[in-house]
């Protein structure tokens, strides 16, 4: 795989992983729209690892609390802020892991990888994000996160298994409808991405172990580095912009792309 191709893949993944516009949808579309060869699971895993490091670095203080809290959880205690955060993140990840395994075992995940599906999910869930952002209250912060809200946001993540939905987008949508501020709702969605990306990486990684070779490992390392830089940039920019603007610009992008894909797929 050429360096340019790796760069494009990594930048697309990095820029779209944490924006509510669906990274998986964009990665699936790239070969279809450009005629480039499919990047394969190994590169998919690599770019996800790159974005994982980006979100961990950006939210390191919260990640550190959760990691320390895991020690309390192992002793059966949920009596600190870090332990509660770790517990809620685990709860929020369980539904999507179970649903993802079901889709993988049944093969339904491959049936959903089409331009038409991505177009409709871009359009529909873009409209849902707009509705939640406009009607949701601004009364909760990340400190108000509860078991109930973590479970609701966790079940919302299941919808992200449909390409084009956007994992960050659907969890932000749920958070906004639950009354979290834009910035804190996005923060919770980003923190929830960490165990989800890890689970996805383990699931996909199991399929590529036998394919591993030095050339593929080199390409994966390059892609991960590019994805890390792009994701850190996108994450920093979005979190800063949310202090002053709504999610409407992302909704507009989703609607335009969704309509375009629907027309393209039906032509």
Protein backbone atom coordinates (compact mmCIF):
# COMPACT_ATOMS: atom_id res chain seq x y z
CA UNK A 1 0.00 0.00 0.00
CA UNK A 2 1.42 3.40 -0.98
CA UNK A 3 2.27 6.04 1.59
CA UNK A 4 -0.29 8.40 0.04
CA UNK A 5 -3.06 5.81 0.35
CA UNK A 6 -2.13 5.14 3.97
CA UNK A 7 -2.12 8.87 4.65
CA UNK A 8 -5.59 9.38 3.14
CA UNK A 9 -7.05 6.43 5.06
CA UNK A 10 -5.52 7.52 8.35
CA UNK A 11 -6.57 11.15 7.99
CA UNK A 12 -10.15 10.16 7.12
CA UNK A 13 -10.31 7.86 10.14
CA UNK A 14 -8.63 10.37 12.43
CA UNK A 15 -10.78 13.32 11.42
CA UNK A 16 -14.09 11.45 11.44
CA UNK A 17 -13.73 9.06 14.41
CA UNK A 18 -14.74 11.62 17.01
CA UNK A 19 -16.80 13.97 14.86
CA UNK A 20 -20.48 12.93 14.61
CA UNK A 21 -20.17 12.03 10.91
CA UNK A 22 -19.25 8.28 10.97
CA UNK A 23 -15.66 7.18 10.43
CA UNK A 24 -16.62 3.63 9.41
CA UNK A 25 -18.99 4.99 6.79
CA UNK A 26 -16.24 7.10 5.26
CA UNK A 27 -13.73 4.23 5.28
CA UNK A 28 -16.23 1.92 3.57
CA UNK A 29 -17.02 4.56 0.96
CA UNK A 30 -13.41 5.33 0.05
CA UNK A 31 -12.83 2.20 -2.09
CA UNK A 32 -16.31 2.47 -3.61
CA UNK A 33 -15.97 6.10 -4.64
CA UNK A 34 -12.30 6.18 -5.65
CA UNK A 35 -11.72 2.71 -7.03
CA UNK A 36 -8.84 2.23 -4.59
CA UNK A 37 -8.36 -1.27 -3.17
CA UNK A 38 -10.01 -2.03 0.16
CA UNK A 39 -7.54 -1.34 2.94
CA UNK A 40 -8.33 -4.58 4.78
CA UNK A 41 -8.93 -5.33 8.44
CA UNK A 42 -5.31 -4.93 9.50
CA UNK A 43 -5.20 -1.26 8.49
CA UNK A 44 -8.66 -0.73 10.01
CA UNK A 45 -7.30 -2.00 13.32
CA UNK A 46 -4.19 0.18 13.02
CA UNK A 47 -6.07 3.44 12.42
CA UNK A 48 -8.41 2.63 15.30
CA UNK A 49 -5.39 2.17 17.56
CA UNK A 50 -4.13 5.58 16.46
CA UNK A 51 -7.42 7.27 17.35
CA UNK A 52 -7.50 5.37 20.64
CA UNK A 53 -4.18 6.90 21.71
CA UNK A 54 -5.47 10.34 20.71
CA UNK A 55 -8.57 10.23 22.91
CA UNK A 56 -6.64 8.70 25.82
CA UNK A 57 -4.08 11.52 25.62
CA UNK A 58 -6.71 14.25 25.33
CA UNK A 59 -8.75 13.00 28.30
CA UNK A 60 -5.81 11.59 30.25
CA UNK A 61 -6.89 12.99 33.62
CA UNK A 62 -10.26 11.22 33.35
CA UNK A 63 -8.70 8.06 31.92
CA UNK A 64 -6.24 7.99 34.82
CA UNK A 65 -9.10 8.26 37.33
CA UNK A 66 -10.91 5.38 35.62
CA UNK A 67 -7.79 3.21 35.56
CA UNK A 68 -7.21 3.78 39.28
CA UNK A 69 -10.92 3.15 39.83
CA UNK A 70 -10.62 -0.25 38.15
CA UNK A 71 -8.57 -1.36 41.13
CA UNK A 72 -11.46 -0.47 43.42
CA UNK A 73 -13.89 -2.31 41.12
CA UNK A 74 -11.81 -5.47 41.31
CA UNK A 75 -12.27 -5.33 45.07
CA UNK A 76 -16.01 -4.91 44.64
CA UNK A 77 -16.09 -1.23 45.57
CA UNK A 78 -17.68 1.62 43.63
CA UNK A 79 -17.01 4.29 46.22
CA UNK A 80 -14.80 6.78 44.37
CA UNK A 81 -15.27 9.05 41.37
CA UNK A 82 -12.82 6.96 39.36
CA UNK A 83 -14.48 3.66 40.28
CA UNK A 84 -17.89 5.01 39.27
CA UNK A 85 -16.52 6.29 35.97
CA UNK A 86 -14.90 2.93 35.23
CA UNK A 87 -18.08 1.08 36.18
CA UNK A 88 -20.29 3.28 33.99
CA UNK A 89 -17.91 2.96 31.03
CA UNK A 90 -17.97 -0.82 31.34
CA UNK A 91 -21.77 -0.83 31.57
CA UNK A 92 -22.03 1.40 28.51
CA UNK A 93 -19.80 -0.91 26.48
CA UNK A 94 -21.48 -4.26 27.18
CA UNK A 95 -24.53 -3.76 24.89
CA UNK A 96 -22.50 -2.85 21.79
CA UNK A 97 -20.01 -5.68 22.37
CA UNK A 98 -22.81 -8.26 22.53
CA UNK A 99 -24.58 -6.79 19.49
CA UNK A 100 -21.29 -6.60 17.57
CA UNK A 101 -20.56 -10.27 18.24
CA UNK A 102 -24.03 -11.23 17.03
CA UNK A 103 -23.60 -9.26 13.80
CA UNK A 104 -20.18 -10.78 13.21
CA UNK A 105 -21.31 -14.36 13.86
CA UNK A 106 -24.39 -14.01 11.65
CA UNK A 107 -22.56 -12.14 8.90
CA UNK A 108 -25.10 -9.33 8.95
CA UNK A 109 -22.33 -6.77 9.34
CA UNK A 110 -21.21 -7.38 5.75
CA UNK A 111 -24.74 -6.92 4.40
CA UNK A 112 -24.86 -3.41 5.85
CA UNK A 113 -21.70 -2.19 4.08
CA UNK A 114 -23.32 -0.37 1.14
CA UNK A 115 -23.50 3.21 -0.11
CA UNK A 116 -27.30 3.20 0.10
CA UNK A 117 -27.31 2.13 3.76
CA UNK A 118 -24.67 4.73 4.63
CA UNK A 119 -26.61 7.41 2.78
CA UNK A 120 -29.83 6.75 4.66
CA UNK A 121 -28.17 6.46 8.06
CA UNK A 122 -26.23 9.67 7.44
CA UNK A 123 -29.48 11.45 6.63
CA UNK A 124 -31.73 9.92 9.30
CA UNK A 125 -29.36 10.07 12.25
CA UNK A 126 -28.20 13.53 11.23
CA UNK A 127 -31.79 14.68 11.57
CA UNK A 128 -32.10 12.88 14.92
CA UNK A 129 -28.94 14.62 16.18
CA UNK A 130 -30.38 17.99 15.13
CA UNK A 131 -33.64 17.23 16.95
CA UNK A 132 -31.88 16.12 20.14
CA UNK A 133 -29.50 19.07 20.09
CA UNK A 134 -32.35 21.55 19.64
CA UNK A 135 -34.75 20.02 22.17
CA UNK A 136 -32.36 18.66 24.81
CA UNK A 137 -31.83 20.60 28.02
CA UNK A 138 -28.45 21.94 29.15
CA UNK A 139 -28.76 21.03 32.81
CA UNK A 140 -26.34 18.11 33.27
CA UNK A 141 -22.55 17.90 33.32
CA UNK A 142 -20.29 14.85 33.24
CA UNK A 143 -20.40 14.88 37.06
CA UNK A 144 -24.13 14.06 36.86
CA UNK A 145 -23.59 10.83 34.91
CA UNK A 146 -25.67 7.98 36.33
CA UNK A 147 -26.05 4.24 35.81
CA UNK A 148 -29.32 4.85 33.97
CA UNK A 149 -27.77 7.36 31.58
CA UNK A 150 -24.73 5.16 30.97
CA UNK A 151 -26.98 2.23 30.05
CA UNK A 152 -29.14 4.38 27.73
CA UNK A 153 -26.06 5.76 25.97
CA UNK A 154 -24.64 2.24 25.81
CA UNK A 155 -27.72 0.89 24.05
CA UNK A 156 -27.61 3.89 21.69
CA UNK A 157 -24.13 2.75 20.65
CA UNK A 158 -25.65 -0.41 19.17
CA UNK A 159 -27.09 1.71 16.36
CA UNK A 160 -23.55 2.74 15.45
CA UNK A 161 -22.92 -0.80 14.22
CA UNK A 162 -24.90 0.27 11.15
CA UNK A 163 -22.35 2.02 8.91
CA UNK A 164 -23.03 5.74 8.56
CA UNK A 165 -24.71 6.12 11.95
CA UNK A 166 -21.56 7.35 13.79
CA UNK A 167 -20.69 6.02 17.23
CA UNK A 168 -19.81 9.45 18.56
CA UNK A 169 -22.85 10.97 16.86
CA UNK A 170 -25.41 8.58 18.33
CA UNK A 171 -23.95 8.71 21.84
CA UNK A 172 -23.83 12.51 21.69
CA UNK A 173 -27.44 12.45 20.48
CA UNK A 174 -28.45 10.33 23.48
CA UNK A 175 -26.48 12.55 25.85
CA UNK A 176 -28.08 15.74 24.52
CA UNK A 177 -31.57 14.27 24.79
CA UNK A 178 -30.77 13.22 28.37
CA UNK A 179 -29.99 16.87 29.14
CA UNK A 180 -26.18 17.01 29.08
CA UNK A 181 -24.48 20.15 27.83
CA UNK A 182 -22.91 19.91 24.39
CA UNK A 183 -19.37 19.90 25.72
CA UNK A 184 -19.99 17.41 28.54
CA UNK A 185 -22.18 15.19 26.39
CA UNK A 186 -19.37 15.03 23.82
CA UNK A 187 -16.84 14.34 26.58
CA UNK A 188 -18.83 11.36 27.85
CA UNK A 189 -19.24 10.09 24.29
CA UNK A 190 -15.49 10.33 23.74
CA UNK A 191 -14.70 8.52 26.99
CA UNK A 192 -17.16 5.78 26.00
CA UNK A 193 -15.23 5.37 22.76
CA UNK A 194 -12.16 4.09 24.62
CA UNK A 195 -13.46 0.68 25.77
CA UNK A 196 -15.53 0.40 22.58
CA UNK A 197 -12.49 0.94 20.33
CA UNK A 198 -10.49 -1.52 22.46
CA UNK A 199 -13.25 -4.14 22.14
CA UNK A 200 -13.52 -3.53 18.40
CA UNK A 201 -9.75 -3.76 18.01
CA UNK A 202 -9.63 -7.08 19.85
CA UNK A 203 -12.49 -8.43 17.75
CA UNK A 204 -10.95 -7.33 14.45
CA UNK A 205 -7.43 -8.14 15.58
CA UNK A 206 -8.32 -11.79 16.05
CA UNK A 207 -9.06 -11.95 12.32
CA UNK A 208 -5.74 -10.46 11.19
CA UNK A 209 -3.21 -12.25 13.41
CA UNK A 210 -2.58 -14.93 10.77
CA UNK A 211 -2.11 -12.27 8.08
CA UNK A 212 0.60 -10.42 9.99
CA UNK A 213 3.92 -9.79 8.22
CA UNK A 214 6.60 -7.12 8.43
CA UNK A 215 5.29 -5.11 5.48
CA UNK A 216 1.77 -5.08 6.90
CA UNK A 217 3.08 -4.20 10.37
CA UNK A 218 5.03 -1.28 8.89
CA UNK A 219 1.99 0.00 6.99
CA UNK A 220 -0.13 -0.37 10.14
CA UNK A 221 2.35 1.62 12.24
CA UNK A 222 2.45 4.43 9.68
CA UNK A 223 -1.35 4.52 9.43
CA UNK A 224 -1.70 4.54 13.23
CA UNK A 225 0.68 7.50 13.53
CA UNK A 226 -1.16 9.53 10.89
CA UNK A 227 -4.53 8.66 12.46
CA UNK A 228 -3.29 9.70 15.90
CA UNK A 229 -2.27 13.17 14.68
CA UNK A 230 -5.48 13.72 12.70
CA UNK A 231 -7.71 12.47 15.54
CA UNK A 232 -6.01 14.64 18.14
CA UNK A 233 -6.45 17.67 15.89
CA UNK A 234 -10.14 16.91 15.18
CA UNK A 235 -10.91 16.18 18.84
CA UNK A 236 -9.23 19.36 20.08
CA UNK A 237 -11.00 21.48 17.47
CA UNK A 238 -14.45 19.99 18.11
CA UNK A 239 -14.25 20.32 21.90
CA UNK A 240 -13.21 23.97 21.58
CA UNK A 241 -15.89 24.79 19.00
CA UNK A 242 -18.62 23.24 21.15
CA UNK A 243 -18.15 26.07 23.65
CA UNK A 244 -19.64 28.47 21.12
CA UNK A 245 -21.48 26.55 18.37
CA UNK A 246 -24.04 23.77 18.09
CA UNK A 247 -23.87 20.46 16.19
CA UNK A 248 -25.71 21.99 13.22
CA UNK A 249 -22.63 22.22 10.92
CA UNK A 250 -22.11 18.46 11.32
CA UNK A 251 -25.80 17.84 10.66
CA UNK A 252 -25.65 19.88 7.44
CA UNK A 253 -22.64 17.86 6.28
CA UNK A 254 -24.41 14.59 7.07
CA UNK A 255 -27.57 15.60 5.22
CA UNK A 256 -25.71 16.75 2.10
CA UNK A 257 -23.53 13.62 2.01
CA UNK A 258 -26.49 11.37 2.78
CA UNK A 259 -28.63 12.76 -0.04
CA UNK A 260 -25.70 12.57 -2.43
CA UNK A 261 -25.04 8.92 -1.58
CA UNK A 262 -28.68 7.95 -1.92
CA UNK A 263 -28.81 9.54 -5.40
CA UNK A 264 -25.49 7.94 -6.37
CA UNK A 265 -26.53 4.49 -5.14
CA UNK A 266 -29.82 4.59 -7.02
CA UNK A 267 -28.36 5.79 -10.30
